[in-house]
Every structure is written in C-alpha cells, then in structure tokens.
Amino acid sequence: MPLYKTISVNSQTTVKIWKIEESYDDLIQPLVLKPQSLERVLGMKSELHQRGFLSVRHLLQEFGYTDQDLFYDENGKPHLKDGKHISITHSFTFSGVIISDSDVGIDIEKQRDKIGIIAHKFVDYEFNYLNKNSEDYIRKLTVIWGVKESLYKLFATPGMLFKDHFLVIPFMLKDKNTIAWIDYKGKKHRYNTAFLEFEGFTCTYVIP
C-alpha cells in the first residue's frame, strides 16, 4: 500500500498522502463501502476519479477510520462522526487527507502551465508580488491556487470567491509556508498555510 508521506503538523493535526499506483480492483477489493459511497464510485465516468475516491478510503484506514465514519453536509463538506475535522483532496495520481481538532483544509494540484491562462480568475492582490517572467511563476501560482482551494474547503460557504475574498501573503518557495486571510462580509480570518512539492505536484494545507 503506497502511503507516500505522513506529516505531523502539530500535536492535533496530521496529513497523510497516498500515491495511487493500484488498479481499481486492487483498491476496492479490501474496502467495505456504505451504499451511498458504492453508488457514487460506480457512477463516476473516469477510472482516475474512482481510484482517487477509493484511495481516500485507504487513507481513512491509515488514520483508523472507515468509510462509515465519514459523512458530508449540505455544502459538500466532509465530517467525521467523532467530531474531528477532516479535509480531502485528490489529483491524478495523488490523494491527501488532513485530520485535526480544529477546522482545516487541504489541496493537491498538478503543476501545469495552463494555470497561467486562468490566473486572472483567482489572483488579484497576489499579482503585486508575482513575476510572470520568473521561472517559478507556475509553481507559485499553483501554491496560491492550492491555498485558496484549501481555504474554500475549510470555510465551505457558498458565495465566496477566490479572487475577492482570499489573500495569500508574499512567500518564497523555499519557505514552505505563508499566511493567508479570508476577508468576507466585513470579517477577517487569519490562517497559517504550508505547502510542499513532489513529483510535479503541490500539496497545500491551512490551519487556523
């Protein structure tokens, strides 16, 4: 089982990342899925998505949970029955789960040039410190997207916009962390964020 990486963020928070190398059959065979999960995975058009979904259930097992311990609210945010906070992500050949005593968010993204084409849709303030001609422009954009995606998952509030409500403070890739803010409906929330890069992917996670 390719558990790829475990990160102990603090005494209450752990990240686990899975490298998805198994076939669909190998992933589903040892799992006991509740009917809704089975229906969902069978309804997925892409085997890549199916394998991502199933690998997340293997990550749950690494934490000592099962598919039965996981449920989703009306906004699509995942929760655990024991009250711990969870966030989930999968992208191509990697998936990740973060579990904590407080609200958290996680995202994994493949580093791709096409993010530069859509940057104007999710970047505003951050253009002040980004250099489009620098060799690390795509990697930095990927971090910014990942941080904002992680914040969105944490807050799970319809109406929030990446460009208008989320800010990522200037950072260097070698720092592996930065600060992010949510500015929404007159309230400001500050979050610690961290990121790591591996095999052409970027994983970001946010904690209060």
N, C-alpha and C. Protein backbone atom coordinates (compact mmCIF):
# COMPACT_ATOMS: atom_id res chain seq x y z
N MET A 1 0.85 -1.20 0.00
CA MET A 1 0.00 0.00 0.00
C MET A 1 0.88 1.24 0.00
N PRO A 2 0.77 2.04 -1.00
CA PRO A 2 1.71 3.17 -1.10
C PRO A 2 1.27 4.41 -0.33
N LEU A 3 1.31 4.32 1.00
CA LEU A 3 1.22 5.56 1.78
C LEU A 3 2.51 6.32 1.47
N TYR A 4 2.37 7.49 0.88
CA TYR A 4 3.53 8.20 0.31
C TYR A 4 4.23 9.06 1.35
N LYS A 5 3.44 9.70 2.20
CA LYS A 5 4.03 10.65 3.14
C LYS A 5 3.08 10.88 4.30
N THR A 6 3.64 11.02 5.49
CA THR A 6 2.87 11.42 6.68
C THR A 6 3.54 12.66 7.27
N ILE A 7 2.74 13.69 7.52
CA ILE A 7 3.26 14.94 8.09
C ILE A 7 2.55 15.20 9.41
N SER A 8 3.32 15.28 10.48
CA SER A 8 2.75 15.67 11.77
C SER A 8 2.83 17.19 11.87
N VAL A 9 1.73 17.86 11.59
CA VAL A 9 1.71 19.32 11.54
C VAL A 9 1.87 19.89 12.95
N ASN A 10 1.09 19.38 13.88
CA ASN A 10 1.22 19.70 15.30
C ASN A 10 0.59 18.54 16.08
N SER A 11 0.47 18.69 17.38
CA SER A 11 0.00 17.56 18.19
C SER A 11 -1.44 17.18 17.89
N GLN A 12 -2.21 18.09 17.28
CA GLN A 12 -3.62 17.80 16.98
C GLN A 12 -3.89 17.54 15.49
N THR A 13 -2.87 17.70 14.63
CA THR A 13 -3.12 17.74 13.19
C THR A 13 -2.13 16.86 12.43
N THR A 14 -2.66 15.99 11.55
CA THR A 14 -1.81 15.12 10.74
C THR A 14 -2.28 15.12 9.29
N VAL A 15 -1.31 15.12 8.39
CA VAL A 15 -1.57 14.99 6.94
C VAL A 15 -1.03 13.65 6.47
N LYS A 16 -1.81 12.93 5.67
CA LYS A 16 -1.31 11.72 5.02
C LYS A 16 -1.57 11.82 3.52
N ILE A 17 -0.56 11.43 2.73
CA ILE A 17 -0.65 11.50 1.26
C ILE A 17 -0.44 10.09 0.70
N TRP A 18 -1.26 9.76 -0.30
CA TRP A 18 -1.24 8.43 -0.94
C TRP A 18 -0.82 8.58 -2.39
N LYS A 19 0.09 7.76 -2.84
CA LYS A 19 0.42 7.72 -4.26
C LYS A 19 -0.40 6.59 -4.89
N ILE A 20 -1.25 6.93 -5.84
CA ILE A 20 -2.23 5.98 -6.37
C ILE A 20 -1.57 5.15 -7.48
N GLU A 21 -1.12 3.97 -7.11
CA GLU A 21 -0.46 3.09 -8.08
C GLU A 21 -1.27 1.82 -8.35
N GLU A 22 -2.25 1.53 -7.48
CA GLU A 22 -3.00 0.29 -7.62
C GLU A 22 -4.10 0.42 -8.69
N SER A 23 -4.55 -0.72 -9.14
CA SER A 23 -5.70 -0.74 -10.05
C SER A 23 -6.98 -0.49 -9.26
N TYR A 24 -8.03 -0.19 -9.99
CA TYR A 24 -9.36 -0.02 -9.37
C TYR A 24 -9.72 -1.26 -8.56
N ASP A 25 -9.53 -2.43 -9.14
CA ASP A 25 -9.91 -3.68 -8.46
C ASP A 25 -9.12 -3.88 -7.17
N ASP A 26 -7.82 -3.59 -7.22
CA ASP A 26 -7.00 -3.76 -6.02
C ASP A 26 -7.39 -2.79 -4.92
N LEU A 27 -7.85 -1.61 -5.31
CA LEU A 27 -8.25 -0.61 -4.32
C LEU A 27 -9.59 -0.94 -3.68
N ILE A 28 -10.55 -1.39 -4.49
CA ILE A 28 -11.90 -1.57 -3.96
C ILE A 28 -12.05 -2.89 -3.19
N GLN A 29 -11.25 -3.87 -3.55
CA GLN A 29 -11.45 -5.22 -3.01
C GLN A 29 -11.40 -5.29 -1.47
N PRO A 30 -10.42 -4.64 -0.81
CA PRO A 30 -10.37 -4.77 0.66
C PRO A 30 -11.32 -3.82 1.41
N LEU A 31 -12.01 -2.94 0.70
CA LEU A 31 -12.82 -1.91 1.37
C LEU A 31 -14.25 -2.39 1.60
N VAL A 32 -14.82 -1.90 2.71
CA VAL A 32 -16.26 -2.06 2.95
C VAL A 32 -16.88 -0.67 2.82
N LEU A 33 -17.61 -0.46 1.73
CA LEU A 33 -18.18 0.86 1.45
C LEU A 33 -19.65 0.87 1.80
N LYS A 34 -20.11 2.01 2.35
CA LYS A 34 -21.55 2.13 2.58
C LYS A 34 -22.26 2.32 1.23
N PRO A 35 -23.56 2.01 1.16
CA PRO A 35 -24.27 2.02 -0.13
C PRO A 35 -24.12 3.32 -0.91
N GLN A 36 -24.19 4.47 -0.21
CA GLN A 36 -24.07 5.76 -0.93
C GLN A 36 -22.71 5.89 -1.59
N SER A 37 -21.65 5.44 -0.89
CA SER A 37 -20.29 5.54 -1.43
C SER A 37 -20.12 4.62 -2.64
N LEU A 38 -20.67 3.42 -2.53
CA LEU A 38 -20.58 2.47 -3.64
C LEU A 38 -21.30 3.01 -4.87
N GLU A 39 -22.48 3.57 -4.64
CA GLU A 39 -23.25 4.17 -5.74
C GLU A 39 -22.47 5.31 -6.39
N ARG A 40 -21.82 6.09 -5.53
CA ARG A 40 -21.07 7.24 -6.04
C ARG A 40 -19.88 6.78 -6.88
N VAL A 41 -19.13 5.81 -6.37
CA VAL A 41 -17.94 5.39 -7.09
C VAL A 41 -18.31 4.67 -8.40
N LEU A 42 -19.39 3.91 -8.39
CA LEU A 42 -19.82 3.21 -9.61
C LEU A 42 -20.35 4.19 -10.66
N GLY A 43 -20.82 5.35 -10.21
CA GLY A 43 -21.36 6.35 -11.12
C GLY A 43 -20.32 7.27 -11.73
N MET A 44 -19.07 7.13 -11.30
CA MET A 44 -18.01 8.00 -11.82
C MET A 44 -17.59 7.55 -13.21
N LYS A 45 -17.49 8.51 -14.13
CA LYS A 45 -17.16 8.19 -15.52
C LYS A 45 -15.67 7.84 -15.68
N SER A 46 -14.83 8.44 -14.86
CA SER A 46 -13.38 8.29 -15.03
C SER A 46 -12.81 7.31 -14.00
N GLU A 47 -12.02 6.36 -14.47
CA GLU A 47 -11.38 5.43 -13.54
C GLU A 47 -10.39 6.16 -12.64
N LEU A 48 -9.79 7.23 -13.16
CA LEU A 48 -8.86 8.03 -12.35
C LEU A 48 -9.59 8.61 -11.13
N HIS A 49 -10.82 9.10 -11.34
CA HIS A 49 -11.61 9.62 -10.22
C HIS A 49 -12.01 8.51 -9.26
N GLN A 50 -12.36 7.36 -9.83
CA GLN A 50 -12.72 6.22 -8.98
C GLN A 50 -11.56 5.83 -8.08
N ARG A 51 -10.38 5.75 -8.67
CA ARG A 51 -9.20 5.35 -7.89
C ARG A 51 -8.85 6.41 -6.86
N GLY A 52 -9.05 7.70 -7.21
CA GLY A 52 -8.82 8.76 -6.24
C GLY A 52 -9.77 8.63 -5.05
N PHE A 53 -11.04 8.41 -5.34
CA PHE A 53 -12.07 8.25 -4.32
C PHE A 53 -11.72 7.08 -3.39
N LEU A 54 -11.34 5.95 -3.99
CA LEU A 54 -11.04 4.76 -3.20
C LEU A 54 -9.76 4.92 -2.39
N SER A 55 -8.77 5.59 -2.97
CA SER A 55 -7.51 5.77 -2.24
C SER A 55 -7.73 6.62 -0.99
N VAL A 56 -8.69 7.55 -1.06
CA VAL A 56 -9.03 8.35 0.14
C VAL A 56 -9.56 7.44 1.24
N ARG A 57 -10.33 6.41 0.86
CA ARG A 57 -10.85 5.47 1.88
C ARG A 57 -9.71 4.66 2.50
N HIS A 58 -8.67 4.38 1.72
CA HIS A 58 -7.49 3.72 2.29
C HIS A 58 -6.76 4.67 3.24
N LEU A 59 -6.71 5.95 2.89
CA LEU A 59 -6.10 6.92 3.81
C LEU A 59 -6.88 7.00 5.13
N LEU A 60 -8.21 6.95 5.03
CA LEU A 60 -9.03 6.93 6.25
C LEU A 60 -8.62 5.76 7.14
N GLN A 61 -8.41 4.61 6.53
CA GLN A 61 -7.99 3.44 7.30
C GLN A 61 -6.65 3.66 7.97
N GLU A 62 -5.75 4.38 7.29
CA GLU A 62 -4.45 4.69 7.89
C GLU A 62 -4.62 5.52 9.17
N PHE A 63 -5.69 6.31 9.21
CA PHE A 63 -6.00 7.12 10.40
C PHE A 63 -6.81 6.33 11.43
N GLY A 64 -7.24 5.11 11.05
CA GLY A 64 -8.06 4.32 11.97
C GLY A 64 -9.56 4.51 11.79
N TYR A 65 -9.96 5.09 10.65
CA TYR A 65 -11.39 5.30 10.35
C TYR A 65 -11.82 4.37 9.21
N THR A 66 -13.13 4.30 9.00
CA THR A 66 -13.66 3.58 7.85
C THR A 66 -14.57 4.52 7.06
N ASP A 67 -15.03 4.05 5.92
CA ASP A 67 -15.97 4.83 5.10
C ASP A 67 -17.23 5.18 5.89
N GLN A 68 -17.61 4.31 6.81
CA GLN A 68 -18.82 4.54 7.62
C GLN A 68 -18.67 5.72 8.58
N ASP A 69 -17.43 6.09 8.88
CA ASP A 69 -17.18 7.20 9.82
C ASP A 69 -17.28 8.56 9.15
N LEU A 70 -17.38 8.57 7.82
CA LEU A 70 -17.31 9.81 7.05
C LEU A 70 -18.70 10.18 6.52
N PHE A 71 -19.08 11.45 6.66
CA PHE A 71 -20.31 11.93 6.03
C PHE A 71 -20.12 13.35 5.53
N TYR A 72 -21.05 13.80 4.68
CA TYR A 72 -20.93 15.12 4.05
C TYR A 72 -22.15 15.96 4.40
N ASP A 73 -21.93 17.27 4.61
CA ASP A 73 -23.06 18.16 4.89
C ASP A 73 -23.66 18.71 3.59
N GLU A 74 -24.64 19.60 3.73
CA GLU A 74 -25.37 20.09 2.54
C GLU A 74 -24.47 20.91 1.60
N ASN A 75 -23.35 21.42 2.12
CA ASN A 75 -22.42 22.17 1.26
C ASN A 75 -21.33 21.27 0.68
N GLY A 76 -21.45 19.97 0.93
CA GLY A 76 -20.45 19.05 0.39
C GLY A 76 -19.19 18.93 1.21
N LYS A 77 -19.21 19.50 2.42
CA LYS A 77 -18.02 19.44 3.27
C LYS A 77 -18.00 18.12 4.04
N PRO A 78 -16.84 17.42 4.04
CA PRO A 78 -16.76 16.16 4.78
C PRO A 78 -16.63 16.36 6.28
N HIS A 79 -17.19 15.42 7.04
CA HIS A 79 -17.10 15.43 8.50
C HIS A 79 -16.86 14.00 8.99
N LEU A 80 -16.30 13.90 10.18
CA LEU A 80 -16.14 12.60 10.83
C LEU A 80 -17.12 12.49 11.99
N LYS A 81 -17.63 11.30 12.20
CA LYS A 81 -18.66 11.11 13.23
C LYS A 81 -18.16 11.41 14.64
N ASP A 82 -16.84 11.29 14.86
CA ASP A 82 -16.33 11.55 16.22
C ASP A 82 -16.07 13.04 16.48
N GLY A 83 -16.39 13.90 15.48
CA GLY A 83 -16.26 15.34 15.69
C GLY A 83 -14.92 15.92 15.28
N LYS A 84 -13.97 15.08 14.93
CA LYS A 84 -12.69 15.60 14.41
C LYS A 84 -12.93 16.27 13.06
N HIS A 85 -12.07 17.21 12.71
CA HIS A 85 -12.21 17.93 11.44
C HIS A 85 -11.36 17.25 10.36
N ILE A 86 -11.92 17.17 9.16
CA ILE A 86 -11.24 16.49 8.06
C ILE A 86 -11.36 17.30 6.78
N SER A 87 -10.33 17.21 5.94
CA SER A 87 -10.41 17.75 4.59
C SER A 87 -9.74 16.73 3.67
N ILE A 88 -10.23 16.67 2.42
CA ILE A 88 -9.86 15.60 1.49
C ILE A 88 -9.50 16.21 0.14
N THR A 89 -8.53 15.59 -0.55
CA THR A 89 -8.19 16.04 -1.89
C THR A 89 -7.67 14.87 -2.71
N HIS A 90 -7.90 14.89 -4.03
CA HIS A 90 -7.14 14.00 -4.91
C HIS A 90 -6.96 14.65 -6.27
N SER A 91 -5.80 14.37 -6.86
CA SER A 91 -5.44 14.95 -8.15
C SER A 91 -4.58 13.95 -8.91
N PHE A 92 -5.10 13.44 -10.01
CA PHE A 92 -4.36 12.49 -10.84
C PHE A 92 -3.90 11.29 -10.01
N THR A 93 -2.60 11.22 -9.71
CA THR A 93 -2.05 10.03 -9.06
C THR A 93 -1.74 10.22 -7.57
N PHE A 94 -2.27 11.29 -6.98
CA PHE A 94 -2.06 11.51 -5.54
C PHE A 94 -3.38 11.87 -4.87
N SER A 95 -3.51 11.43 -3.63
CA SER A 95 -4.63 11.89 -2.80
C SER A 95 -4.09 12.26 -1.43
N GLY A 96 -4.86 13.07 -0.71
CA GLY A 96 -4.41 13.51 0.61
C GLY A 96 -5.58 13.72 1.55
N VAL A 97 -5.33 13.49 2.83
CA VAL A 97 -6.31 13.73 3.89
C VAL A 97 -5.61 14.44 5.03
N ILE A 98 -6.26 15.46 5.58
CA ILE A 98 -5.79 16.11 6.80
C ILE A 98 -6.87 15.95 7.86
N ILE A 99 -6.48 15.58 9.06
CA ILE A 99 -7.41 15.43 10.18
C ILE A 99 -6.86 16.21 11.37
N SER A 100 -7.75 16.93 12.05
CA SER A 100 -7.31 17.83 13.12
C SER A 100 -8.43 18.03 14.14
N ASP A 101 -8.05 18.60 15.28
CA ASP A 101 -9.05 19.01 16.29
C ASP A 101 -9.73 20.32 15.90
N SER A 102 -9.13 21.07 14.95
CA SER A 102 -9.74 22.34 14.52
C SER A 102 -9.97 22.31 13.02
N ASP A 103 -10.70 23.31 12.51
CA ASP A 103 -11.03 23.39 11.08
C ASP A 103 -9.76 23.42 10.23
N VAL A 104 -9.73 22.64 9.17
CA VAL A 104 -8.57 22.54 8.30
C VAL A 104 -9.00 22.40 6.84
N GLY A 105 -8.07 22.63 5.93
CA GLY A 105 -8.33 22.41 4.51
C GLY A 105 -7.06 21.92 3.84
N ILE A 106 -7.23 21.10 2.79
CA ILE A 106 -6.06 20.57 2.07
C ILE A 106 -6.36 20.53 0.58
N ASP A 107 -5.30 20.66 -0.23
CA ASP A 107 -5.45 20.55 -1.68
C ASP A 107 -4.17 20.00 -2.28
N ILE A 108 -4.30 19.17 -3.29
CA ILE A 108 -3.15 18.74 -4.10
C ILE A 108 -3.45 19.13 -5.54
N GLU A 109 -2.47 19.74 -6.20
CA GLU A 109 -2.62 20.16 -7.60
C GLU A 109 -1.41 19.73 -8.40
N LYS A 110 -1.66 19.32 -9.63
CA LYS A 110 -0.56 19.06 -10.58
C LYS A 110 -0.07 20.40 -11.10
N GLN A 111 1.23 20.58 -11.16
CA GLN A 111 1.80 21.84 -11.66
C GLN A 111 1.70 21.84 -13.18
N ARG A 112 0.84 22.74 -13.72
CA ARG A 112 0.62 22.76 -15.17
C ARG A 112 0.62 24.20 -15.69
N ASP A 113 1.19 24.37 -16.87
CA ASP A 113 1.31 25.72 -17.44
C ASP A 113 -0.03 26.40 -17.61
N LYS A 114 -1.09 25.60 -17.83
CA LYS A 114 -2.39 26.23 -18.14
C LYS A 114 -2.94 27.04 -16.98
N ILE A 115 -2.37 26.87 -15.77
CA ILE A 115 -2.83 27.69 -14.65
C ILE A 115 -2.54 29.17 -14.92
N GLY A 116 -1.49 29.43 -15.72
CA GLY A 116 -1.17 30.82 -16.06
C GLY A 116 -2.27 31.48 -16.88
N ILE A 117 -3.00 30.69 -17.65
CA ILE A 117 -4.06 31.23 -18.51
C ILE A 117 -5.26 31.68 -17.67
N ILE A 118 -5.52 30.97 -16.57
CA ILE A 118 -6.70 31.31 -15.75
C ILE A 118 -6.34 32.12 -14.50
N ALA A 119 -5.07 32.54 -14.40
CA ALA A 119 -4.62 33.24 -13.19
C ALA A 119 -5.51 34.45 -12.86
N HIS A 120 -5.94 35.17 -13.89
CA HIS A 120 -6.74 36.39 -13.66
C HIS A 120 -8.07 36.07 -12.97
N LYS A 121 -8.47 34.81 -12.99
CA LYS A 121 -9.75 34.45 -12.37
C LYS A 121 -9.65 34.24 -10.87
N PHE A 122 -8.44 33.96 -10.38
CA PHE A 122 -8.33 33.71 -8.93
C PHE A 122 -7.26 34.54 -8.23
N VAL A 123 -6.51 35.34 -9.01
CA VAL A 123 -5.45 36.18 -8.43
C VAL A 123 -5.82 37.64 -8.58
N ASP A 124 -5.64 38.40 -7.51
CA ASP A 124 -5.81 39.85 -7.57
C ASP A 124 -4.64 40.51 -6.85
N TYR A 125 -4.73 40.61 -5.54
CA TYR A 125 -3.65 41.20 -4.73
C TYR A 125 -2.30 40.55 -5.02
N GLU A 126 -2.29 39.23 -5.23
CA GLU A 126 -1.04 38.49 -5.36
C GLU A 126 -0.23 38.89 -6.60
N PHE A 127 -0.89 39.50 -7.60
CA PHE A 127 -0.14 39.97 -8.77
C PHE A 127 0.89 41.03 -8.38
N ASN A 128 0.71 41.67 -7.22
CA ASN A 128 1.66 42.68 -6.76
C ASN A 128 3.05 42.10 -6.51
N TYR A 129 3.11 40.82 -6.16
CA TYR A 129 4.43 40.24 -5.89
C TYR A 129 4.83 39.12 -6.84
N LEU A 130 3.94 38.75 -7.75
CA LEU A 130 4.27 37.70 -8.73
C LEU A 130 5.00 38.31 -9.93
N ASN A 131 5.96 37.57 -10.47
CA ASN A 131 6.68 37.98 -11.67
C ASN A 131 6.40 36.95 -12.77
N LYS A 132 5.62 37.37 -13.77
CA LYS A 132 5.20 36.44 -14.82
C LYS A 132 6.38 35.86 -15.60
N ASN A 133 7.51 36.54 -15.58
CA ASN A 133 8.67 36.07 -16.34
C ASN A 133 9.62 35.21 -15.52
N SER A 134 9.32 35.03 -14.24
CA SER A 134 10.24 34.25 -13.41
C SER A 134 10.02 32.76 -13.65
N GLU A 135 11.07 31.99 -13.44
CA GLU A 135 10.99 30.55 -13.74
C GLU A 135 10.08 29.82 -12.75
N ASP A 136 9.81 30.45 -11.60
CA ASP A 136 8.95 29.79 -10.61
C ASP A 136 7.50 30.31 -10.62
N TYR A 137 7.14 31.05 -11.68
CA TYR A 137 5.80 31.66 -11.75
C TYR A 137 4.68 30.61 -11.65
N ILE A 138 4.78 29.53 -12.44
CA ILE A 138 3.73 28.49 -12.44
C ILE A 138 3.67 27.80 -11.08
N ARG A 139 4.82 27.53 -10.50
CA ARG A 139 4.85 26.86 -9.19
C ARG A 139 4.21 27.76 -8.12
N LYS A 140 4.50 29.05 -8.19
CA LYS A 140 3.91 29.97 -7.20
C LYS A 140 2.40 30.11 -7.40
N LEU A 141 1.97 30.19 -8.66
CA LEU A 141 0.54 30.23 -8.93
C LEU A 141 -0.16 28.99 -8.38
N THR A 142 0.51 27.84 -8.52
CA THR A 142 -0.07 26.59 -8.05
C THR A 142 -0.21 26.61 -6.54
N VAL A 143 0.76 27.17 -5.85
CA VAL A 143 0.66 27.32 -4.38
C VAL A 143 -0.53 28.22 -4.03
N ILE A 144 -0.65 29.36 -4.72
CA ILE A 144 -1.72 30.31 -4.43
C ILE A 144 -3.09 29.66 -4.66
N TRP A 145 -3.23 28.98 -5.80
CA TRP A 145 -4.50 28.27 -6.06
C TRP A 145 -4.76 27.26 -4.96
N GLY A 146 -3.76 26.47 -4.61
CA GLY A 146 -3.94 25.43 -3.60
C GLY A 146 -4.33 26.00 -2.24
N VAL A 147 -3.70 27.10 -1.86
CA VAL A 147 -4.05 27.74 -0.58
C VAL A 147 -5.50 28.21 -0.61
N LYS A 148 -5.90 28.85 -1.70
CA LYS A 148 -7.27 29.36 -1.79
C LYS A 148 -8.28 28.22 -1.85
N GLU A 149 -7.94 27.16 -2.55
CA GLU A 149 -8.81 25.98 -2.60
C GLU A 149 -8.94 25.37 -1.20
N SER A 150 -7.84 25.31 -0.47
CA SER A 150 -7.86 24.77 0.89
C SER A 150 -8.72 25.64 1.81
N LEU A 151 -8.60 26.95 1.67
CA LEU A 151 -9.43 27.87 2.47
C LEU A 151 -10.91 27.69 2.14
N TYR A 152 -11.19 27.54 0.85
CA TYR A 152 -12.58 27.37 0.43
C TYR A 152 -13.18 26.09 1.03
N LYS A 153 -12.37 25.03 1.02
CA LYS A 153 -12.84 23.77 1.61
C LYS A 153 -13.07 23.91 3.12
N LEU A 154 -12.17 24.63 3.77
CA LEU A 154 -12.29 24.83 5.21
C LEU A 154 -13.56 25.61 5.56
N PHE A 155 -13.79 26.68 4.80
CA PHE A 155 -14.92 27.57 5.12
C PHE A 155 -16.24 27.05 4.58
N ALA A 156 -16.19 26.39 3.40
CA ALA A 156 -17.37 25.77 2.78
C ALA A 156 -18.61 26.67 2.84
N THR A 157 -18.44 27.91 2.36
CA THR A 157 -19.53 28.87 2.39
C THR A 157 -19.85 29.32 0.96
N PRO A 158 -21.04 28.99 0.44
CA PRO A 158 -21.40 29.42 -0.91
C PRO A 158 -21.32 30.94 -1.04
N GLY A 159 -20.82 31.41 -2.18
CA GLY A 159 -20.72 32.85 -2.40
C GLY A 159 -19.31 33.39 -2.23
N MET A 160 -18.42 32.61 -1.64
CA MET A 160 -17.03 33.06 -1.51
C MET A 160 -16.31 32.94 -2.85
N LEU A 161 -15.50 33.95 -3.16
CA LEU A 161 -14.75 33.96 -4.42
C LEU A 161 -13.26 34.01 -4.15
N PHE A 162 -12.52 33.16 -4.84
CA PHE A 162 -11.06 33.09 -4.64
C PHE A 162 -10.41 34.46 -4.82
N LYS A 163 -10.84 35.17 -5.85
CA LYS A 163 -10.19 36.43 -6.22
C LYS A 163 -10.54 37.56 -5.24
N ASP A 164 -11.77 37.57 -4.78
CA ASP A 164 -12.27 38.71 -3.99
C ASP A 164 -12.11 38.54 -2.48
N HIS A 165 -12.15 37.31 -1.99
CA HIS A 165 -12.25 37.11 -0.54
C HIS A 165 -11.05 36.45 0.11
N PHE A 166 -10.11 35.94 -0.71
CA PHE A 166 -8.94 35.25 -0.16
C PHE A 166 -7.66 35.98 -0.55
N LEU A 167 -6.76 36.15 0.41
CA LEU A 167 -5.46 36.78 0.16
C LEU A 167 -4.34 35.86 0.60
N VAL A 168 -3.31 35.75 -0.23
CA VAL A 168 -2.13 34.98 0.15
C VAL A 168 -0.95 35.95 0.25
N ILE A 169 -0.35 36.01 1.44
CA ILE A 169 0.75 36.94 1.72
C ILE A 169 2.00 36.50 0.92
N PRO A 170 2.86 37.46 0.51
CA PRO A 170 4.05 37.10 -0.27
C PRO A 170 4.87 35.99 0.39
N PHE A 171 5.44 35.12 -0.44
CA PHE A 171 6.19 33.98 0.08
C PHE A 171 7.29 33.60 -0.90
N MET A 172 8.27 32.86 -0.39
CA MET A 172 9.30 32.25 -1.23
C MET A 172 9.04 30.75 -1.23
N LEU A 173 9.27 30.10 -2.35
CA LEU A 173 9.02 28.66 -2.41
C LEU A 173 9.85 27.89 -1.38
N LYS A 174 11.05 28.39 -1.11
CA LYS A 174 11.90 27.68 -0.14
C LYS A 174 11.37 27.79 1.29
N ASP A 175 10.47 28.76 1.54
CA ASP A 175 9.93 28.95 2.90
C ASP A 175 8.98 27.81 3.30
N LYS A 176 8.30 27.23 2.30
CA LYS A 176 7.34 26.13 2.54
C LYS A 176 6.12 26.54 3.36
N ASN A 177 5.95 27.83 3.62
CA ASN A 177 4.75 28.27 4.36
C ASN A 177 4.50 29.75 4.11
N THR A 178 3.28 30.18 4.40
CA THR A 178 2.94 31.59 4.33
C THR A 178 1.67 31.81 5.15
N ILE A 179 1.19 33.04 5.14
CA ILE A 179 -0.05 33.39 5.85
C ILE A 179 -1.12 33.70 4.80
N ALA A 180 -2.35 33.33 5.09
CA ALA A 180 -3.45 33.67 4.20
C ALA A 180 -4.59 34.29 5.02
N TRP A 181 -5.38 35.11 4.35
CA TRP A 181 -6.50 35.78 5.01
C TRP A 181 -7.79 35.51 4.24
N ILE A 182 -8.87 35.38 4.96
CA ILE A 182 -10.20 35.44 4.38
C ILE A 182 -10.81 36.78 4.82
N ASP A 183 -11.26 37.54 3.85
CA ASP A 183 -11.91 38.83 4.11
C ASP A 183 -13.32 38.72 3.52
N TYR A 184 -14.29 38.45 4.37
CA TYR A 184 -15.63 38.12 3.86
C TYR A 184 -16.70 38.73 4.77
N LYS A 185 -17.58 39.48 4.15
CA LYS A 185 -18.70 40.09 4.86
C LYS A 185 -18.26 40.86 6.10
N GLY A 186 -17.19 41.65 5.92
CA GLY A 186 -16.73 42.53 7.00
C GLY A 186 -15.93 41.85 8.09
N LYS A 187 -15.69 40.54 7.95
CA LYS A 187 -14.89 39.84 8.96
C LYS A 187 -13.61 39.32 8.32
N LYS A 188 -12.52 39.40 9.10
CA LYS A 188 -11.22 38.91 8.61
C LYS A 188 -10.78 37.70 9.44
N HIS A 189 -10.31 36.68 8.76
CA HIS A 189 -9.83 35.46 9.43
C HIS A 189 -8.42 35.17 8.93
N ARG A 190 -7.51 34.90 9.86
CA ARG A 190 -6.10 34.66 9.50
C ARG A 190 -5.79 33.17 9.63
N TYR A 191 -5.06 32.64 8.65
CA TYR A 191 -4.72 31.22 8.66
C TYR A 191 -3.25 31.00 8.37
N ASN A 192 -2.68 30.01 9.04
CA ASN A 192 -1.34 29.54 8.70
C ASN A 192 -1.46 28.54 7.55
N THR A 193 -0.59 28.66 6.58
CA THR A 193 -0.63 27.73 5.46
C THR A 193 0.77 27.15 5.25
N ALA A 194 0.80 25.92 4.77
CA ALA A 194 2.07 25.28 4.44
C ALA A 194 1.92 24.58 3.11
N PHE A 195 3.05 24.38 2.43
CA PHE A 195 2.99 23.69 1.14
C PHE A 195 4.25 22.87 0.94
N LEU A 196 4.12 21.81 0.14
CA LEU A 196 5.26 21.00 -0.23
C LEU A 196 5.10 20.57 -1.68
N GLU A 197 6.21 20.33 -2.34
CA GLU A 197 6.20 19.94 -3.75
C GLU A 197 6.84 18.56 -3.90
N PHE A 198 6.26 17.74 -4.77
CA PHE A 198 6.80 16.40 -5.01
C PHE A 198 6.32 15.91 -6.37
N GLU A 199 7.24 15.38 -7.15
CA GLU A 199 6.92 14.72 -8.43
C GLU A 199 6.00 15.56 -9.33
N GLY A 200 6.23 16.88 -9.37
CA GLY A 200 5.44 17.75 -10.23
C GLY A 200 4.08 18.12 -9.67
N PHE A 201 3.85 17.85 -8.39
CA PHE A 201 2.61 18.21 -7.71
C PHE A 201 2.90 19.16 -6.55
N THR A 202 1.88 19.90 -6.14
CA THR A 202 1.98 20.79 -4.99
C THR A 202 0.84 20.44 -4.03
N CYS A 203 1.20 20.21 -2.77
CA CYS A 203 0.19 20.00 -1.72
C CYS A 203 0.21 21.20 -0.79
N THR A 204 -0.96 21.77 -0.56
CA THR A 204 -1.09 22.88 0.40
C THR A 204 -2.09 22.49 1.48
N TYR A 205 -1.88 23.01 2.67
CA TYR A 205 -2.89 22.82 3.72
C TYR A 205 -2.92 24.05 4.61
N VAL A 206 -4.08 24.31 5.18
CA VAL A 206 -4.29 25.51 6.01
C VAL A 206 -4.87 25.10 7.36
N ILE A 207 -4.39 25.79 8.39
CA ILE A 207 -4.88 25.60 9.75
C ILE A 207 -5.03 26.98 10.39
N PRO A 208 -5.96 27.14 11.33
CA PRO A 208 -6.15 28.46 11.97
C PRO A 208 -4.89 28.92 12.71
